[in-house]
Amino acid sequence: MAACFLLSSYAGLAADGARIAGAPGPGGVSSQLLTECLVILAGFLALAAWIATDRPRPRPLLAAVPLAVTLMAAWWANGAVTGILVLWTVGLRLFLPLWLYALALWAFLAAAIGWFGGNRDRSVGLVLLLVSGMLLGSTYAQAVGLVALALLADGRAPAGNAPSSRNAVPHLRR
């Protein structure tokens, strides 16, 4: 998920090169398309992580279905408007088959719903990832994305020596 953010940021930087230097940076569009593929993969990885860490239950899997079906129905009803709304809200171009996006949305939501009972930090982190979107076009979206990654990391630094989020700040006593 961090790779998605980095590639997306590079795509924006490459596009900004056209305004600054008169020519876009190399690989800007390719990195954005690769990012979109990684977003799809991230949905399935989130589902796999939930299944690996918790006991998979059918309710979260079923509860996420109507939302994924809604994406398909909206596309069928008016694909142009749906495509524009998806681009504006989360930054996806929808260049892959739509059923892949619907499955990835289902996987993200199933994992978020599944973790809600036992690990709310991860659940909220997944929801915040969806809210921040892929393009990170504002400092607000960047901050939401970073908070999402922090929640998904369970308070662990890459070296593994940070305290868990539940014990990160001891209560101060007077």
C-alpha atoms as a PDB file:
ATOM      1  CA  MET A   1       0.000   0.000   0.000  1.00  0.00           C
ATOM      2  CA  ALA A   2       2.931   2.293   0.677  1.00  0.00           C
ATOM      3  CA  ALA A   3       4.238   1.412  -2.793  1.00  0.00           C
ATOM      4  CA  CYS A   4       0.914   2.602  -4.234  1.00  0.00           C
ATOM      5  CA  PHE A   5       1.350   5.942  -2.505  1.00  0.00           C
ATOM      6  CA  LEU A   6       4.966   6.300  -3.652  1.00  0.00           C
ATOM      7  CA  LEU A   7       4.214   5.423  -7.275  1.00  0.00           C
ATOM      8  CA  SER A   8       1.218   7.722  -7.304  1.00  0.00           C
ATOM      9  CA  SER A   9       3.315  10.550  -5.897  1.00  0.00           C
ATOM     10  CA  TYR A  10       5.938   9.937  -8.581  1.00  0.00           C
ATOM     11  CA  ALA A  11       3.252  10.090 -11.276  1.00  0.00           C
ATOM     12  CA  GLY A  12       2.175  13.477  -9.940  1.00  0.00           C
ATOM     13  CA  LEU A  13       5.776  14.685  -9.792  1.00  0.00           C
ATOM     14  CA  ALA A  14       6.391  13.523 -13.363  1.00  0.00           C
ATOM     15  CA  ALA A  15       3.276  15.373 -14.529  1.00  0.00           C
ATOM     16  CA  ASP A  16       4.394  18.502 -12.693  1.00  0.00           C
ATOM     17  CA  GLY A  17       7.667  18.294 -14.610  1.00  0.00           C
ATOM     18  CA  ALA A  18       5.750  19.336 -17.723  1.00  0.00           C
ATOM     19  CA  ARG A  19       4.721  22.568 -16.038  1.00  0.00           C
ATOM     20  CA  ILE A  20       8.128  23.278 -14.539  1.00  0.00           C
ATOM     21  CA  ALA A  21      10.580  22.044 -17.171  1.00  0.00           C
ATOM     22  CA  GLY A  22       8.350  22.017 -20.233  1.00  0.00           C
ATOM     23  CA  ALA A  23       8.463  18.224 -20.586  1.00  0.00           C
ATOM     24  CA  PRO A  24       6.886  15.551 -18.399  1.00  0.00           C
ATOM     25  CA  GLY A  25       9.151  13.295 -16.372  1.00  0.00           C
ATOM     26  CA  PRO A  26       9.724   9.783 -17.657  1.00  0.00           C
ATOM     27  CA  GLY A  27       7.284   7.031 -16.751  1.00  0.00           C
ATOM     28  CA  GLY A  28       4.561   9.186 -15.213  1.00  0.00           C
ATOM     29  CA  VAL A  29       1.618   7.505 -16.918  1.00  0.00           C
ATOM     30  CA  SER A  30       3.164   4.046 -16.568  1.00  0.00           C
ATOM     31  CA  SER A  31       3.651   4.529 -12.841  1.00  0.00           C
ATOM     32  CA  GLN A  32       0.039   5.640 -12.448  1.00  0.00           C
ATOM     33  CA  LEU A  33      -1.226   2.572 -14.329  1.00  0.00           C
ATOM     34  CA  LEU A  34       1.053   0.311 -12.281  1.00  0.00           C
ATOM     35  CA  THR A  35      -0.265   1.965  -9.129  1.00  0.00           C
ATOM     36  CA  GLU A  36      -3.806   1.144 -10.179  1.00  0.00           C
ATOM     37  CA  CYS A  37      -2.831  -2.515 -10.643  1.00  0.00           C
ATOM     38  CA  LEU A  38      -1.241  -2.489  -7.180  1.00  0.00           C
ATOM     39  CA  VAL A  39      -4.428  -1.030  -5.693  1.00  0.00           C
ATOM     40  CA  ILE A  40      -6.341  -4.020  -7.056  1.00  0.00           C
ATOM     41  CA  LEU A  41      -3.711  -6.370  -5.652  1.00  0.00           C
ATOM     42  CA  ALA A  42      -3.796  -4.568  -2.281  1.00  0.00           C
ATOM     43  CA  GLY A  43      -7.489  -5.371  -1.927  1.00  0.00           C
ATOM     44  CA  PHE A  44      -6.825  -9.078  -2.288  1.00  0.00           C
ATOM     45  CA  LEU A  45      -3.807  -8.865   0.025  1.00  0.00           C
ATOM     46  CA  ALA A  46      -5.942  -7.171   2.677  1.00  0.00           C
ATOM     47  CA  LEU A  47      -8.486  -9.977   2.420  1.00  0.00           C
ATOM     48  CA  ALA A  48      -5.722 -12.592   2.638  1.00  0.00           C
ATOM     49  CA  ALA A  49      -4.255 -10.825   5.699  1.00  0.00           C
ATOM     50  CA  TRP A  50      -7.647 -10.819   7.418  1.00  0.00           C
ATOM     51  CA  ILE A  51      -8.154 -14.507   6.683  1.00  0.00           C
ATOM     52  CA  ALA A  52      -4.619 -15.301   7.903  1.00  0.00           C
ATOM     53  CA  THR A  53      -4.937 -13.362  11.163  1.00  0.00           C
ATOM     54  CA  ASP A  54      -8.558 -13.976  12.095  1.00  0.00           C
ATOM     55  CA  ARG A  55     -11.021 -16.753  11.806  1.00  0.00           C
ATOM     56  CA  PRO A  56     -12.737 -16.133   8.444  1.00  0.00           C
ATOM     57  CA  ARG A  57     -16.463 -15.690   8.889  1.00  0.00           C
ATOM     58  CA  PRO A  58     -19.145 -15.654   6.216  1.00  0.00           C
ATOM     59  CA  ARG A  59     -20.949 -12.524   7.470  1.00  0.00           C
ATOM     60  CA  PRO A  60     -18.202 -10.034   6.544  1.00  0.00           C
ATOM     61  CA  LEU A  61     -17.775 -11.753   3.188  1.00  0.00           C
ATOM     62  CA  LEU A  62     -21.500 -11.475   2.496  1.00  0.00           C
ATOM     63  CA  ALA A  63     -21.902  -7.965   3.925  1.00  0.00           C
ATOM     64  CA  ALA A  64     -19.406  -6.578   1.413  1.00  0.00           C
ATOM     65  CA  VAL A  65     -21.212  -8.022  -1.616  1.00  0.00           C
ATOM     66  CA  PRO A  66     -23.946  -5.354  -1.983  1.00  0.00           C
ATOM     67  CA  LEU A  67     -21.387  -2.547  -2.124  1.00  0.00           C
ATOM     68  CA  ALA A  68     -19.362  -4.256  -4.834  1.00  0.00           C
ATOM     69  CA  VAL A  69     -22.554  -5.040  -6.752  1.00  0.00           C
ATOM     70  CA  THR A  70     -23.530  -1.365  -6.459  1.00  0.00           C
ATOM     71  CA  LEU A  71     -20.338  -0.403  -8.302  1.00  0.00           C
ATOM     72  CA  MET A  72     -21.218  -2.821 -11.115  1.00  0.00           C
ATOM     73  CA  ALA A  73     -24.826  -1.568 -11.244  1.00  0.00           C
ATOM     74  CA  ALA A  74     -23.708   2.075 -11.345  1.00  0.00           C
ATOM     75  CA  TRP A  75     -21.329   1.258 -14.190  1.00  0.00           C
ATOM     76  CA  TRP A  76     -24.058  -0.531 -16.085  1.00  0.00           C
ATOM     77  CA  ALA A  77     -26.553   2.304 -15.518  1.00  0.00           C
ATOM     78  CA  ASN A  78     -24.180   5.101 -16.562  1.00  0.00           C
ATOM     79  CA  GLY A  79     -20.556   4.142 -17.096  1.00  0.00           C
ATOM     80  CA  ALA A  80     -19.387   7.625 -18.035  1.00  0.00           C
ATOM     81  CA  VAL A  81     -20.632   9.294 -14.862  1.00  0.00           C
ATOM     82  CA  THR A  82     -19.473   6.371 -12.709  1.00  0.00           C
ATOM     83  CA  GLY A  83     -16.017   6.533 -14.275  1.00  0.00           C
ATOM     84  CA  ILE A  84     -15.761  10.261 -13.604  1.00  0.00           C
ATOM     85  CA  LEU A  85     -16.908   9.852 -10.000  1.00  0.00           C
ATOM     86  CA  VAL A  86     -14.417   7.040  -9.381  1.00  0.00           C
ATOM     87  CA  LEU A  87     -11.629   9.114 -10.918  1.00  0.00           C
ATOM     88  CA  TRP A  88     -12.489  12.172  -8.830  1.00  0.00           C
ATOM     89  CA  THR A  89     -12.992  10.330  -5.545  1.00  0.00           C
ATOM     90  CA  VAL A  90     -10.255   7.699  -5.493  1.00  0.00           C
ATOM     91  CA  GLY A  91      -8.200   8.468  -8.598  1.00  0.00           C
ATOM     92  CA  LEU A  92      -8.730   5.211 -10.466  1.00  0.00           C
ATOM     93  CA  ARG A  93      -8.935   5.360 -14.256  1.00  0.00           C
ATOM     94  CA  LEU A  94     -10.819   2.051 -14.513  1.00  0.00           C
ATOM     95  CA  PHE A  95      -8.685   0.847 -17.416  1.00  0.00           C
ATOM     96  CA  LEU A  96      -8.852  -2.782 -16.261  1.00  0.00           C
ATOM     97  CA  PRO A  97     -12.020  -4.876 -16.486  1.00  0.00           C
ATOM     98  CA  LEU A  98     -14.562  -3.453 -14.052  1.00  0.00           C
ATOM     99  CA  TRP A  99     -15.192  -6.798 -12.372  1.00  0.00           C
ATOM    100  CA  LEU A 100     -11.601  -6.641 -11.032  1.00  0.00           C
ATOM    101  CA  TYR A 101     -12.332  -3.322  -9.335  1.00  0.00           C
ATOM    102  CA  ALA A 102     -15.581  -4.685  -7.929  1.00  0.00           C
ATOM    103  CA  LEU A 103     -13.782  -7.764  -6.561  1.00  0.00           C
ATOM    104  CA  ALA A 104     -11.033  -5.603  -5.042  1.00  0.00           C
ATOM    105  CA  LEU A 105     -13.644  -3.345  -3.439  1.00  0.00           C
ATOM    106  CA  TRP A 106     -15.383  -6.429  -2.075  1.00  0.00           C
ATOM    107  CA  ALA A 107     -12.061  -7.729  -0.698  1.00  0.00           C
ATOM    108  CA  PHE A 108     -11.200  -4.398   0.981  1.00  0.00           C
ATOM    109  CA  LEU A 109     -14.644  -4.099   2.519  1.00  0.00           C
ATOM    110  CA  ALA A 110     -14.816  -7.742   3.636  1.00  0.00           C
ATOM    111  CA  ALA A 111     -11.466  -7.364   5.414  1.00  0.00           C
ATOM    112  CA  ALA A 112     -12.516  -4.048   6.985  1.00  0.00           C
ATOM    113  CA  ILE A 113     -15.800  -5.508   8.205  1.00  0.00           C
ATOM    114  CA  GLY A 114     -14.084  -8.686   9.364  1.00  0.00           C
ATOM    115  CA  TRP A 115     -11.467  -6.834  11.405  1.00  0.00           C
ATOM    116  CA  PHE A 116     -13.977  -4.419  12.907  1.00  0.00           C
ATOM    117  CA  GLY A 117     -14.871  -6.742  15.770  1.00  0.00           C
ATOM    118  CA  GLY A 118     -11.350  -7.779  16.740  1.00  0.00           C
ATOM    119  CA  ASN A 119      -8.915  -5.197  15.395  1.00  0.00           C
ATOM    120  CA  ARG A 120     -10.602  -1.852  14.849  1.00  0.00           C
ATOM    121  CA  ASP A 121      -7.315  -0.118  14.049  1.00  0.00           C
ATOM    122  CA  ARG A 122      -6.879  -2.231  10.936  1.00  0.00           C
ATOM    123  CA  SER A 123     -10.525  -1.849  10.033  1.00  0.00           C
ATOM    124  CA  VAL A 124     -10.369   1.935  10.300  1.00  0.00           C
ATOM    125  CA  GLY A 125      -7.048   1.896   8.421  1.00  0.00           C
ATOM    126  CA  LEU A 126      -8.601   0.106   5.459  1.00  0.00           C
ATOM    127  CA  VAL A 127     -11.548   2.490   5.378  1.00  0.00           C
ATOM    128  CA  LEU A 128      -9.183   5.459   5.523  1.00  0.00           C
ATOM    129  CA  LEU A 129      -7.214   4.006   2.602  1.00  0.00           C
ATOM    130  CA  LEU A 130     -10.375   4.034   0.537  1.00  0.00           C
ATOM    131  CA  VAL A 131     -11.141   7.587   1.668  1.00  0.00           C
ATOM    132  CA  SER A 132      -7.658   8.923   0.901  1.00  0.00           C
ATOM    133  CA  GLY A 133      -7.754   7.538  -2.618  1.00  0.00           C
ATOM    134  CA  MET A 134      -4.834   6.787  -4.863  1.00  0.00           C
ATOM    135  CA  LEU A 135      -3.776  10.190  -6.200  1.00  0.00           C
ATOM    136  CA  LEU A 136      -3.037  11.962  -2.904  1.00  0.00           C
ATOM    137  CA  GLY A 137      -3.600  15.301  -4.606  1.00  0.00           C
ATOM    138  CA  SER A 138      -3.795  17.314  -1.392  1.00  0.00           C
ATOM    139  CA  THR A 139      -2.027  17.415   1.934  1.00  0.00           C
ATOM    140  CA  TYR A 140      -5.302  16.285   3.504  1.00  0.00           C
ATOM    141  CA  ALA A 141      -5.373  13.112   1.378  1.00  0.00           C
ATOM    142  CA  GLN A 142      -1.691  12.522   2.154  1.00  0.00           C
ATOM    143  CA  ALA A 143      -2.321  12.862   5.893  1.00  0.00           C
ATOM    144  CA  VAL A 144      -5.305  10.494   5.736  1.00  0.00           C
ATOM    145  CA  GLY A 145      -3.177   7.988   3.810  1.00  0.00           C
ATOM    146  CA  LEU A 146      -0.347   8.179   6.339  1.00  0.00           C
ATOM    147  CA  VAL A 147      -2.745   7.707   9.257  1.00  0.00           C
ATOM    148  CA  ALA A 148      -4.204   4.709   7.416  1.00  0.00           C
ATOM    149  CA  LEU A 149      -0.763   3.152   6.974  1.00  0.00           C
ATOM    150  CA  ALA A 150       0.074   3.778  10.631  1.00  0.00           C
ATOM    151  CA  LEU A 151      -3.139   2.073  11.743  1.00  0.00           C
ATOM    152  CA  LEU A 152      -2.502  -0.880   9.439  1.00  0.00           C
ATOM    153  CA  ALA A 153       1.035  -1.257  10.805  1.00  0.00           C
ATOM    154  CA  ASP A 154      -0.313  -1.959  14.307  1.00  0.00           C
ATOM    155  CA  GLY A 155       2.165   0.551  15.749  1.00  0.00           C
ATOM    156  CA  ARG A 156       5.194  -1.349  14.513  1.00  0.00           C
ATOM    157  CA  ALA A 157       8.147   0.375  12.870  1.00  0.00           C
ATOM    158  CA  PRO A 158       9.972  -1.396  10.022  1.00  0.00           C
ATOM    159  CA  ALA A 159      12.625  -2.542  12.508  1.00  0.00           C
ATOM    160  CA  GLY A 160       9.894  -3.926  14.752  1.00  0.00           C
ATOM    161  CA  ASN A 161      10.960  -2.003  17.835  1.00  0.00           C
ATOM    162  CA  ALA A 162       8.139   0.545  18.178  1.00  0.00           C
ATOM    163  CA  PRO A 163       5.572  -0.072  20.894  1.00  0.00           C
ATOM    164  CA  SER A 164       2.186  -1.358  19.847  1.00  0.00           C
ATOM    165  CA  SER A 165      -0.530   1.256  19.362  1.00  0.00           C
ATOM    166  CA  ARG A 166      -2.348   0.054  22.460  1.00  0.00           C
ATOM    167  CA  ASN A 167       0.677   0.740  24.691  1.00  0.00           C
ATOM    168  CA  ALA A 168       2.234   3.664  22.818  1.00  0.00           C
ATOM    169  CA  VAL A 169       1.367   6.459  25.250  1.00  0.00           C
ATOM    170  CA  PRO A 170       1.332   5.668  28.950  1.00  0.00           C
ATOM    171  CA  HIS A 171      -1.174   7.548  31.064  1.00  0.00           C
ATOM    172  CA  LEU A 172       0.399  10.431  32.916  1.00  0.00           C
ATOM    173  CA  ARG A 173      -0.352  10.546  36.638  1.00  0.00           C
ATOM    174  CA  ARG A 174      -0.048  13.528  38.918  1.00  0.00           C
END
